[in-house]
Amino acid sequence: MRQSFFYGTIILIIAGGVTKLLGFANRIILSRILGSEGIGLYQMVVPLLYFLITLASFGMPLAIAKHVAETEAASDARQARRFLLLALGVTGGISLVICTTLFTLSGPLSRLFFTDPRAHVVLLAAIPVIPISSISLVLRGYFQGKHNMTPTAISQIVEQIIRMALVVVMTITFMPLGIEYAAAGAVGSIIFGEAAGFLYILWQYRRATQKTAAQVWERPLLAAMYKSRNSLRKLFQVSLPVTMSKLIGSIAYVLEPMIVPFALMLAGFSTAASTGLYGQFAGMAVPLLLFPTFLTYSLSVSLVPAVAEAAYQKNAPLVHRRIYQAMRITLVIGAPCTVLLFIFAEPLCQLLYGNAEVGILLREMAPFSVFLFFQAPLAAALQGLDFAHVVFRNTLIGAIVKTVAMFVFTARPEFGIHGAVIANNIGITLVTLLHIAGLIKEIGFTVDLVEMGKIVAAMFAMGYSGSYLSSHIFADLPMIKLLITCSILSLLLYLLMLVALRILGKQDVKRIPWIGEQLALFFPRR
């Protein structure tokens, strides 16, 4: 079922919100069962696991979404199947190599990567996740290329539901064998969740294309890949720079916990204080800053095939309109998130972490979250237009500048951990501005500054009203009630201003799945 760009985006945003909340609940349950020691073992392995999944998928989900969208525009179903089979072959081959290596060398690799030898058991339990997840991601990319976001959305929700249903059973079942086996049981729930999501999306694929499964075995895979080497080259032209961009980001992420504590010690902080300050920054403030990005990530998933199809049709006005529409949606959604993170940073951190000092760091980063929200859709637009190498270059520049700035600023006693905040803000802003500059240079992209200015005005009005309400009218309320009341009232003012300024109208609301027609009755035409 082909869906419009806006409709597909809203479906992914709704699914992303549900998945994020289920994942958050899952983490709370897991923390209560495993305790800090078990969570430590679990957390040692899971980041490496997701890094290996990224490596195994090798950028193929995005590459196939782009190229299948182009074949849809050309009405070439056979070529779409060819791209899918090639992507599955590449992903399956890399997964096999990674899994074999992990299984064979799990002992030495565990001693190399983990300080706790018990993580070896958890790593072994995680191996089956890699091929299941990477192949599932390729199938999701196939449906995204066909402008059908429903299989991706439902498979994500199914995956999280199964994980939540099994995590308690599996951790408690293995707990008598030791905490490491309980953590391995928690990883086992990921396997079953991924498998459930994979089976659902495979079922959807079988429903959509009955013939393809039989065609896989018509000739040997290597021969098929050799005869389709031009198609394979097209996939690699997108997937290679996408993978390199992700690897650069991962390397920068790995270097950060080494650089920041060391720089803090150079600034005169003790080892314990340096570790604690870095924990406040990376473990508390940054996750809150990143929490709303699932909204714009969903947008970027829809944008790649939408832009790729329009570019293949050589429809430049449609390319510009879809990119601008993505930026407009990003700002409309991202602006209130930025405001709430800024004005309620300290009470929110006090409520969640019992530490208002973290709120100071969050408040310093919050204004730059707008640039963070724009980053994924802009990168998706460039990748959909065959400029994935530009994204890689920008990511590399941003990572180098951020890493150097993080050391230089954090090592200065007058900045301390605030130097890491400054560097983070510089990195986010630089990469986003480079992405915008890339679009301007490559396709002459422009934005309606008047319309964007209206959204920013509504954003400032929301910020002022939220701040005034919390400090004057509802200041005596308990913290939770204050946050909820002031957030809802300031959001209502924001929406009213969007309607009054004709940013949000009847035609926009009508596009919302399932309830759009009913809601549109209360909105004027733009």
Protein backbone atom coordinates (compact mmCIF):
# COMPACT_ATOMS: atom_id res chain seq x y z
CA MET A 1 0.00 0.00 0.00
CA ARG A 2 1.67 3.18 -1.20
CA GLN A 3 1.47 6.08 1.27
CA SER A 4 2.08 9.79 0.92
CA PHE A 5 5.26 11.29 2.38
CA PHE A 6 3.34 13.05 5.18
CA TYR A 7 1.13 10.04 6.00
CA GLY A 8 4.09 7.66 6.17
CA THR A 9 6.03 10.09 8.35
CA ILE A 10 3.19 10.42 10.87
CA ILE A 11 2.84 6.62 11.07
CA LEU A 12 6.58 6.28 11.81
CA ILE A 13 6.47 9.10 14.38
CA ILE A 14 3.57 7.42 16.22
CA ALA A 15 5.31 4.03 16.11
CA GLY A 16 8.59 5.64 17.18
CA GLY A 17 6.88 7.26 20.18
CA VAL A 18 5.25 3.99 21.25
CA THR A 19 8.53 2.09 20.76
CA LYS A 20 10.49 4.70 22.72
CA LEU A 21 8.08 4.55 25.66
CA LEU A 22 8.05 0.73 25.65
CA GLY A 23 11.83 0.70 25.48
CA PHE A 24 12.03 3.13 28.41
CA ALA A 25 9.65 0.94 30.44
CA ASN A 26 11.67 -2.13 29.47
CA ARG A 27 14.86 -0.48 30.76
CA ILE A 28 13.18 0.37 34.09
CA ILE A 29 11.98 -3.24 34.53
CA LEU A 30 15.40 -4.57 33.62
CA SER A 31 17.14 -2.23 36.06
CA ARG A 32 14.92 -3.37 38.93
CA ILE A 33 15.50 -7.07 38.21
CA LEU A 34 19.21 -7.07 37.38
CA GLY A 35 20.41 -4.27 39.65
CA SER A 36 23.43 -2.11 38.89
CA GLU A 37 25.83 -5.07 38.50
CA GLY A 38 23.64 -6.91 35.99
CA ILE A 39 22.84 -3.73 34.08
CA GLY A 40 26.58 -3.05 33.91
CA LEU A 41 27.19 -6.42 32.23
CA TYR A 42 24.23 -5.89 29.90
CA GLN A 43 25.39 -2.38 29.00
CA MET A 44 28.90 -3.59 28.25
CA VAL A 45 27.62 -5.80 25.43
CA VAL A 46 24.59 -3.99 23.99
CA PRO A 47 26.46 -0.95 22.54
CA LEU A 48 28.93 -3.32 20.82
CA LEU A 49 26.00 -5.41 19.59
CA TYR A 50 24.29 -2.46 17.91
CA PHE A 51 27.60 -1.33 16.44
CA LEU A 52 28.05 -4.79 14.87
CA ILE A 53 24.48 -4.69 13.53
CA THR A 54 25.32 -1.37 11.88
CA LEU A 55 28.43 -2.96 10.40
CA ALA A 56 26.54 -6.05 9.22
CA SER A 57 23.75 -4.08 7.56
CA PHE A 58 26.48 -1.99 5.84
CA GLY A 59 24.17 0.90 4.96
CA MET A 60 22.02 -1.42 2.82
CA PRO A 61 18.67 -0.44 4.41
CA LEU A 62 19.09 3.17 3.28
CA ALA A 63 20.63 2.17 -0.07
CA ILE A 64 17.78 -0.18 -0.93
CA ALA A 65 15.14 2.36 0.17
CA LYS A 66 16.64 4.85 -2.26
CA HIS A 67 17.04 2.50 -5.22
CA VAL A 68 13.71 0.73 -4.78
CA ALA A 69 12.03 4.16 -4.75
CA GLU A 70 13.73 4.88 -8.08
CA THR A 71 12.59 1.55 -9.55
CA GLU A 72 9.07 2.31 -8.34
CA ALA A 73 9.22 5.58 -10.29
CA ALA A 74 10.38 3.58 -13.33
CA SER A 75 7.76 0.83 -12.75
CA ASP A 76 10.54 -1.78 -12.81
CA ALA A 77 9.52 -4.44 -10.26
CA ARG A 78 12.18 -6.88 -11.51
CA GLN A 79 15.00 -4.44 -10.76
CA ALA A 80 13.54 -3.81 -7.30
CA ARG A 81 13.71 -7.55 -6.58
CA ARG A 82 17.28 -7.63 -7.89
CA PHE A 83 18.31 -4.84 -5.51
CA LEU A 84 16.64 -6.65 -2.62
CA LEU A 85 18.37 -9.96 -3.32
CA LEU A 86 21.74 -8.26 -3.67
CA ALA A 87 21.27 -6.34 -0.42
CA LEU A 88 20.21 -9.51 1.40
CA GLY A 89 23.23 -11.34 -0.04
CA VAL A 90 25.68 -8.64 1.11
CA THR A 91 24.09 -8.29 4.56
CA GLY A 92 23.83 -12.06 5.04
CA GLY A 93 27.47 -12.55 4.01
CA ILE A 94 28.81 -9.86 6.35
CA SER A 95 26.60 -11.17 9.18
CA LEU A 96 27.98 -14.69 8.67
CA VAL A 97 31.58 -13.43 8.85
CA ILE A 98 30.89 -11.34 11.99
CA CYS A 99 28.99 -14.13 13.77
CA THR A 100 31.62 -16.76 12.93
CA THR A 101 34.40 -14.47 14.14
CA LEU A 102 32.54 -13.65 17.36
CA PHE A 103 31.77 -17.28 18.11
CA THR A 104 35.30 -18.48 17.34
CA LEU A 105 37.15 -15.65 19.10
CA SER A 106 34.60 -14.74 21.78
CA GLY A 107 37.05 -15.43 24.64
CA PRO A 108 39.93 -13.23 23.42
CA LEU A 109 37.52 -10.52 22.19
CA SER A 110 35.77 -10.43 25.58
CA ARG A 111 39.10 -9.97 27.35
CA LEU A 112 40.02 -7.22 24.87
CA PHE A 113 36.77 -5.22 24.99
CA PHE A 114 35.39 -5.86 28.49
CA THR A 115 36.89 -5.33 31.91
CA ASP A 116 34.59 -7.97 33.44
CA PRO A 117 35.19 -11.56 32.17
CA ARG A 118 31.56 -12.46 32.89
CA ALA A 119 30.54 -10.35 29.87
CA HIS A 120 31.74 -13.28 27.74
CA VAL A 121 28.49 -15.19 28.43
CA VAL A 122 26.38 -12.16 27.52
CA LEU A 123 28.33 -11.66 24.27
CA LEU A 124 27.73 -15.29 23.21
CA ALA A 125 24.00 -14.87 23.86
CA ALA A 126 23.93 -11.74 21.66
CA ILE A 127 25.36 -13.36 18.50
CA PRO A 128 22.01 -14.49 16.95
CA VAL A 129 20.66 -10.93 17.11
CA ILE A 130 23.11 -9.73 14.43
CA PRO A 131 21.85 -11.62 11.34
CA ILE A 132 18.17 -11.40 12.35
CA SER A 133 18.28 -7.65 12.93
CA SER A 134 20.41 -6.76 9.90
CA ILE A 135 18.26 -8.76 7.47
CA SER A 136 15.10 -7.32 9.02
CA LEU A 137 16.49 -3.81 8.48
CA VAL A 138 17.02 -4.55 4.78
CA LEU A 139 13.41 -5.74 4.40
CA ARG A 140 12.22 -2.59 6.17
CA GLY A 141 14.26 -0.53 3.72
CA TYR A 142 12.55 -2.36 0.85
CA PHE A 143 9.08 -1.38 2.10
CA GLN A 144 10.24 2.17 2.77
CA GLY A 145 11.39 2.38 -0.85
CA LYS A 146 7.87 1.37 -1.86
CA HIS A 147 6.49 4.22 0.29
CA ASN A 148 4.80 1.79 2.66
CA MET A 149 5.86 2.62 6.22
CA THR A 150 3.27 0.43 7.98
CA PRO A 151 5.36 -2.81 8.02
CA THR A 152 8.32 -0.93 9.51
CA ALA A 153 6.13 0.74 12.14
CA ILE A 154 4.28 -2.41 13.21
CA SER A 155 7.41 -4.59 13.23
CA GLN A 156 9.10 -2.10 15.61
CA ILE A 157 6.13 -2.23 17.98
CA VAL A 158 5.87 -6.04 17.79
CA GLU A 159 9.59 -6.29 18.56
CA GLN A 160 9.30 -4.15 21.70
CA ILE A 161 6.14 -5.89 22.95
CA ILE A 162 7.73 -9.34 22.68
CA ARG A 163 10.88 -8.07 24.41
CA MET A 164 8.84 -6.66 27.29
CA ALA A 165 6.76 -9.82 27.55
CA LEU A 166 9.83 -12.08 27.81
CA VAL A 167 12.45 -9.97 29.60
CA VAL A 168 11.09 -10.72 33.10
CA VAL A 169 10.64 -14.44 32.43
CA MET A 170 14.08 -14.90 30.86
CA THR A 171 16.07 -12.90 33.41
CA ILE A 172 14.38 -14.56 36.41
CA THR A 173 14.70 -18.04 34.84
CA PHE A 174 18.48 -17.71 34.44
CA MET A 175 19.11 -15.75 37.66
CA PRO A 176 19.92 -18.87 39.76
CA LEU A 177 22.86 -19.61 37.43
CA GLY A 178 24.45 -16.22 38.16
CA ILE A 179 24.02 -12.55 37.33
CA GLU A 180 25.85 -12.94 34.01
CA TYR A 181 23.33 -15.58 32.88
CA ALA A 182 20.46 -13.33 33.94
CA ALA A 183 21.97 -10.55 31.78
CA ALA A 184 22.32 -13.09 28.96
CA GLY A 185 18.63 -13.90 29.44
CA ALA A 186 17.84 -10.20 29.01
CA VAL A 187 19.80 -10.25 25.74
CA GLY A 188 17.82 -13.37 24.82
CA SER A 189 14.64 -11.32 25.02
CA ILE A 190 16.17 -9.07 22.33
CA ILE A 191 16.64 -12.15 20.12
CA PHE A 192 12.98 -13.15 20.42
CA GLY A 193 11.83 -9.56 19.94
CA GLU A 194 13.94 -9.13 16.80
CA ALA A 195 12.78 -12.52 15.52
CA ALA A 196 9.11 -11.59 16.02
CA GLY A 197 9.59 -8.29 14.17
CA PHE A 198 11.49 -10.10 11.41
CA LEU A 199 8.78 -12.77 10.99
CA TYR A 200 6.12 -10.09 10.77
CA ILE A 201 7.91 -8.09 8.09
CA LEU A 202 8.82 -11.31 6.22
CA TRP A 203 5.13 -12.27 6.27
CA GLN A 204 4.24 -8.86 4.88
CA TYR A 205 6.85 -9.31 2.16
CA ARG A 206 5.54 -12.76 1.23
CA ARG A 207 2.03 -11.31 0.98
CA ALA A 208 3.21 -8.53 -1.30
CA THR A 209 5.44 -10.64 -3.59
CA GLN A 210 4.53 -14.32 -3.84
CA LYS A 211 7.03 -15.17 -6.61
CA THR A 212 10.26 -13.74 -5.25
CA ALA A 213 11.04 -16.40 -2.64
CA ALA A 214 11.16 -19.08 -5.34
CA GLN A 215 13.26 -16.87 -7.61
CA VAL A 216 16.02 -16.63 -5.00
CA TRP A 217 17.05 -20.21 -5.73
CA GLU A 218 16.80 -20.08 -9.53
CA ARG A 219 20.56 -19.61 -9.79
CA PRO A 220 23.49 -19.49 -7.35
CA LEU A 221 23.71 -16.27 -5.36
CA LEU A 222 27.32 -15.53 -6.33
CA ALA A 223 26.48 -15.91 -10.03
CA ALA A 224 23.46 -13.66 -9.59
CA MET A 225 25.61 -11.05 -7.85
CA TYR A 226 28.25 -11.22 -10.60
CA LYS A 227 25.67 -10.72 -13.36
CA SER A 228 24.15 -7.85 -11.39
CA ARG A 229 27.45 -6.13 -10.60
CA ASN A 230 26.23 -2.78 -11.95
CA SER A 231 23.29 -2.89 -9.54
CA LEU A 232 25.65 -3.96 -6.76
CA ARG A 233 27.91 -0.99 -7.53
CA LYS A 234 24.91 1.35 -7.25
CA LEU A 235 24.06 -0.06 -3.83
CA PHE A 236 27.65 0.35 -2.64
CA GLN A 237 27.80 3.95 -3.89
CA VAL A 238 25.20 4.79 -1.24
CA SER A 239 25.88 2.17 1.44
CA LEU A 240 29.66 2.68 1.73
CA PRO A 241 29.63 6.41 2.63
CA VAL A 242 26.59 5.83 4.89
CA THR A 243 28.48 3.10 6.74
CA MET A 244 31.62 5.24 6.94
CA SER A 245 29.58 8.12 8.41
CA LYS A 246 28.19 5.82 11.09
CA LEU A 247 31.62 4.40 11.84
CA ILE A 248 33.06 7.91 12.23
CA GLY A 249 30.26 8.74 14.66
CA SER A 250 30.92 5.50 16.56
CA ILE A 251 34.67 6.18 16.79
CA ALA A 252 34.02 9.69 18.11
CA TYR A 253 31.57 8.20 20.63
CA VAL A 254 34.21 5.68 21.77
CA LEU A 255 36.90 8.38 22.11
CA GLU A 256 34.69 10.73 24.13
CA PRO A 257 34.78 8.82 27.49
CA MET A 258 38.57 8.64 27.19
CA ILE A 259 39.13 12.30 26.33
CA VAL A 260 36.70 14.11 28.66
CA PRO A 261 37.76 12.56 32.02
CA PHE A 262 41.44 12.96 31.06
CA ALA A 263 40.89 16.62 30.14
CA LEU A 264 39.01 17.20 33.41
CA MET A 265 41.96 15.79 35.37
CA LEU A 266 44.26 18.17 33.48
CA ALA A 267 41.91 20.96 34.57
CA GLY A 268 42.55 20.00 38.20
CA PHE A 269 39.67 17.64 39.03
CA SER A 270 40.27 14.36 40.85
CA THR A 271 39.72 11.02 39.10
CA ALA A 272 36.47 10.38 40.98
CA ALA A 273 35.19 13.90 40.33
CA SER A 274 36.09 13.66 36.63
CA THR A 275 34.22 10.38 36.28
CA GLY A 276 31.18 11.81 38.10
CA LEU A 277 31.08 14.97 35.97
CA TYR A 278 31.35 12.94 32.76
CA GLY A 279 28.52 10.74 34.02
CA GLN A 280 26.34 13.83 34.52
CA PHE A 281 27.10 15.01 31.00
CA ALA A 282 27.02 11.78 28.94
CA GLY A 283 24.84 9.56 31.10
CA MET A 284 22.17 12.04 32.18
CA ALA A 285 22.06 15.32 30.21
CA VAL A 286 22.80 14.01 26.69
CA PRO A 287 20.20 11.17 26.78
CA LEU A 288 17.49 13.72 27.64
CA LEU A 289 18.71 15.97 24.82
CA LEU A 290 18.53 13.04 22.38
CA PHE A 291 15.17 11.69 23.55
CA PRO A 292 12.98 13.74 21.14
CA THR A 293 15.15 12.86 18.10
CA PHE A 294 13.03 9.78 17.37
CA LEU A 295 10.53 12.26 15.90
CA THR A 296 12.91 13.61 13.27
CA TYR A 297 14.52 10.19 12.73
CA SER A 298 11.11 8.94 11.60
CA LEU A 299 10.94 11.89 9.23
CA SER A 300 14.35 11.08 7.76
CA VAL A 301 13.33 7.46 7.10
CA SER A 302 10.40 8.67 4.96
CA LEU A 303 12.44 11.39 3.27
CA VAL A 304 15.09 9.19 1.57
CA PRO A 305 12.69 7.34 -0.79
CA ALA A 306 10.50 10.42 -1.28
CA VAL A 307 13.43 12.57 -2.44
CA ALA A 308 15.06 9.74 -4.42
CA GLU A 309 11.86 9.14 -6.40
CA ALA A 310 11.37 12.84 -7.19
CA ALA A 311 15.03 13.19 -8.23
CA TYR A 312 14.79 10.11 -10.48
CA GLN A 313 11.79 11.70 -12.20
CA LYS A 314 13.88 14.88 -12.62
CA ASN A 315 11.15 16.78 -10.82
CA ALA A 316 13.25 19.52 -9.18
CA PRO A 317 10.28 21.48 -7.75
CA LEU A 318 9.02 18.31 -6.00
CA VAL A 319 12.51 17.62 -4.61
CA HIS A 320 12.66 21.14 -3.16
CA ARG A 321 9.10 20.94 -1.85
CA ARG A 322 9.67 17.63 -0.04
CA ILE A 323 12.91 18.79 1.56
CA TYR A 324 11.32 22.06 2.64
CA GLN A 325 8.27 20.20 3.92
CA ALA A 326 10.61 18.01 6.01
CA MET A 327 12.38 21.06 7.45
CA ARG A 328 9.05 22.72 8.21
CA ILE A 329 7.74 19.64 10.02
CA THR A 330 11.06 19.35 11.87
CA LEU A 331 10.87 22.90 13.16
CA VAL A 332 7.17 22.65 14.06
CA ILE A 333 7.83 19.48 16.09
CA GLY A 334 11.32 20.33 17.34
CA ALA A 335 10.62 23.89 18.54
CA PRO A 336 8.39 22.93 21.51
CA CYS A 337 10.81 20.14 22.49
CA THR A 338 13.64 22.70 22.56
CA VAL A 339 11.57 25.11 24.65
CA LEU A 340 10.51 22.48 27.21
CA LEU A 341 14.07 21.16 27.58
CA PHE A 342 15.34 24.73 28.12
CA ILE A 343 12.81 26.15 30.57
CA PHE A 344 12.27 22.96 32.58
CA ALA A 345 15.82 21.58 32.44
CA GLU A 346 16.56 21.82 36.17
CA PRO A 347 13.22 20.62 37.61
CA LEU A 348 13.15 17.79 35.05
CA CYS A 349 16.63 16.60 36.01
CA GLN A 350 15.80 16.96 39.70
CA LEU A 351 12.70 14.82 39.15
CA LEU A 352 14.40 12.12 37.06
CA TYR A 353 17.89 12.00 38.57
CA GLY A 354 17.57 13.82 41.89
CA ASN A 355 20.31 16.12 40.60
CA ALA A 356 19.46 19.67 39.53
CA GLU A 357 23.10 20.33 38.50
CA VAL A 358 22.56 18.10 35.46
CA GLY A 359 19.82 20.55 34.48
CA ILE A 360 22.42 23.31 34.10
CA LEU A 361 24.24 21.23 31.49
CA LEU A 362 20.96 20.34 29.75
CA ARG A 363 19.90 24.00 29.68
CA GLU A 364 23.20 24.96 28.02
CA MET A 365 22.66 22.36 25.28
CA ALA A 366 18.89 22.77 24.78
CA PRO A 367 18.97 25.81 22.41
CA PHE A 368 21.21 23.84 20.04
CA SER A 369 18.81 20.90 19.94
CA VAL A 370 17.04 22.63 17.03
CA PHE A 371 20.17 22.05 14.94
CA LEU A 372 20.26 18.46 16.19
CA PHE A 373 16.66 17.87 15.05
CA PHE A 374 17.45 19.20 11.57
CA GLN A 375 20.54 17.00 11.19
CA ALA A 376 18.92 13.63 10.34
CA PRO A 377 16.39 14.95 7.76
CA LEU A 378 19.07 17.04 6.04
CA ALA A 379 21.41 14.03 5.89
CA ALA A 380 18.55 11.91 4.53
CA ALA A 381 17.87 14.49 1.81
CA LEU A 382 21.52 14.48 0.72
CA GLN A 383 21.65 10.67 0.75
CA GLY A 384 18.43 10.43 -1.26
CA LEU A 385 19.96 12.76 -3.86
CA ASP A 386 23.12 10.62 -4.26
CA PHE A 387 25.26 12.94 -2.13
CA ALA A 388 25.99 10.43 0.65
CA HIS A 389 29.69 11.31 0.29
CA VAL A 390 28.83 14.89 1.34
CA VAL A 391 27.22 13.55 4.54
CA PHE A 392 30.33 11.48 5.22
CA ARG A 393 32.62 14.48 4.68
CA ASN A 394 30.49 16.71 6.93
CA THR A 395 30.31 14.03 9.64
CA LEU A 396 34.08 13.57 9.53
CA ILE A 397 34.73 17.34 9.80
CA GLY A 398 32.22 17.64 12.64
CA ALA A 399 33.70 14.68 14.54
CA ILE A 400 37.27 16.04 14.26
CA VAL A 401 36.29 19.57 15.31
CA LYS A 402 34.11 18.31 18.18
CA THR A 403 36.79 15.92 19.49
CA VAL A 404 39.54 18.54 19.41
CA ALA A 405 37.27 21.21 20.94
CA MET A 406 36.19 18.76 23.65
CA PHE A 407 39.77 18.33 24.80
CA VAL A 408 40.80 22.00 24.43
CA PHE A 409 37.80 23.51 26.24
CA THR A 410 37.34 20.82 28.91
CA ALA A 411 41.01 20.98 29.90
CA ARG A 412 40.62 24.67 30.83
CA PRO A 413 39.78 25.06 34.55
CA GLU A 414 37.34 27.93 33.91
CA PHE A 415 35.19 25.63 31.72
CA GLY A 416 35.60 22.12 33.13
CA ILE A 417 32.67 19.88 32.10
CA HIS A 418 31.01 22.91 30.49
CA GLY A 419 33.79 22.69 27.89
CA ALA A 420 32.37 19.33 26.81
CA VAL A 421 28.97 21.03 26.47
CA ILE A 422 30.50 23.80 24.32
CA ALA A 423 32.23 21.22 22.11
CA ASN A 424 29.02 19.21 21.75
CA ASN A 425 27.11 22.35 20.71
CA ILE A 426 29.84 23.27 18.21
CA GLY A 427 29.77 19.77 16.68
CA ILE A 428 25.97 19.69 16.32
CA THR A 429 25.77 23.18 14.81
CA LEU A 430 28.71 22.71 12.45
CA VAL A 431 27.45 19.44 10.91
CA THR A 432 23.92 20.82 10.43
CA LEU A 433 25.17 24.02 8.81
CA LEU A 434 27.47 21.99 6.53
CA HIS A 435 24.48 19.84 5.49
CA ILE A 436 22.46 22.98 4.67
CA ALA A 437 25.42 24.42 2.74
CA GLY A 438 25.69 21.13 0.84
CA LEU A 439 22.04 21.29 -0.24
CA ILE A 440 22.39 24.95 -1.27
CA LYS A 441 25.49 24.16 -3.30
CA GLU A 442 24.22 20.97 -4.97
CA ILE A 443 20.59 21.84 -5.76
CA GLY A 444 20.22 25.55 -4.93
CA PHE A 445 17.91 24.79 -2.01
CA THR A 446 16.11 27.75 -0.36
CA VAL A 447 13.68 28.16 2.53
CA ASP A 448 10.78 30.50 3.23
CA LEU A 449 12.36 32.67 5.94
CA VAL A 450 9.07 34.42 6.72
CA GLU A 451 7.29 31.15 7.50
CA MET A 452 10.24 29.86 9.51
CA GLY A 453 10.32 33.18 11.38
CA LYS A 454 6.66 32.74 12.36
CA ILE A 455 7.41 29.32 13.84
CA VAL A 456 10.35 30.77 15.79
CA ALA A 457 8.08 33.56 17.08
CA ALA A 458 5.56 30.97 18.31
CA MET A 459 8.47 29.12 19.91
CA PHE A 460 9.61 32.20 21.87
CA ALA A 461 6.03 32.96 22.95
CA MET A 462 5.70 29.41 24.24
CA GLY A 463 9.00 29.72 26.12
CA TYR A 464 8.02 33.00 27.78
CA SER A 465 4.58 31.75 28.79
CA GLY A 466 5.95 28.46 30.17
CA SER A 467 8.60 30.26 32.17
CA TYR A 468 6.12 32.84 33.53
CA LEU A 469 3.54 30.19 34.47
CA SER A 470 6.09 28.05 36.29
CA SER A 471 7.71 30.91 38.22
CA HIS A 472 4.60 32.95 39.09
CA ILE A 473 1.19 31.34 38.72
CA PHE A 474 1.90 27.64 39.44
CA ALA A 475 5.11 28.00 41.44
CA ASP A 476 3.57 26.39 44.54
CA LEU A 477 2.47 23.19 42.83
CA PRO A 478 4.37 19.91 43.40
CA MET A 479 7.08 19.39 40.78
CA ILE A 480 5.30 16.77 38.66
CA LYS A 481 2.05 18.75 38.54
CA LEU A 482 3.97 21.95 37.75
CA LEU A 483 5.80 20.33 34.84
CA ILE A 484 2.64 18.76 33.38
CA THR A 485 0.41 21.83 33.83
CA CYS A 486 2.89 24.39 32.48
CA SER A 487 3.92 22.13 29.59
CA ILE A 488 0.32 21.55 28.47
CA LEU A 489 -0.69 25.22 28.74
CA SER A 490 2.41 26.51 26.92
CA LEU A 491 1.94 23.86 24.19
CA LEU A 492 -1.66 24.97 23.71
CA LEU A 493 -0.48 28.58 23.27
CA TYR A 494 2.11 27.36 20.74
CA LEU A 495 -0.54 25.51 18.71
CA LEU A 496 -2.90 28.49 18.83
CA MET A 497 -0.15 30.75 17.53
CA LEU A 498 0.63 28.30 14.70
CA VAL A 499 -3.03 28.42 13.69
CA ALA A 500 -3.29 32.21 14.08
CA LEU A 501 -0.13 32.75 12.02
CA ARG A 502 -1.47 30.33 9.36
CA ILE A 503 1.38 27.86 9.80
CA LEU A 504 -1.00 25.05 10.72
CA GLY A 505 -4.25 24.73 8.79
CA LYS A 506 -7.06 22.38 7.85
CA GLN A 507 -5.16 20.76 4.99
CA ASP A 508 -2.21 19.93 7.28
CA VAL A 509 -4.38 18.34 9.97
CA LYS A 510 -6.36 16.29 7.43
CA ARG A 511 -3.20 14.36 6.57
CA ILE A 512 -2.87 12.93 10.09
CA PRO A 513 -3.70 9.20 9.92
CA TRP A 514 -7.01 7.93 11.36
CA ILE A 515 -8.12 11.11 13.18
CA GLY A 516 -7.16 13.86 10.72
CA GLU A 517 -10.60 14.32 9.15
CA GLN A 518 -12.24 14.78 12.55
CA LEU A 519 -9.58 17.15 13.91
CA ALA A 520 -9.62 19.24 10.74
CA LEU A 521 -13.14 20.41 11.56
CA PHE A 522 -11.67 22.64 14.30
CA PHE A 523 -8.99 24.25 12.11
CA PRO A 524 -9.30 27.07 9.56
CA ARG A 525 -7.89 26.92 6.04
CA ARG A 526 -4.35 28.29 5.60
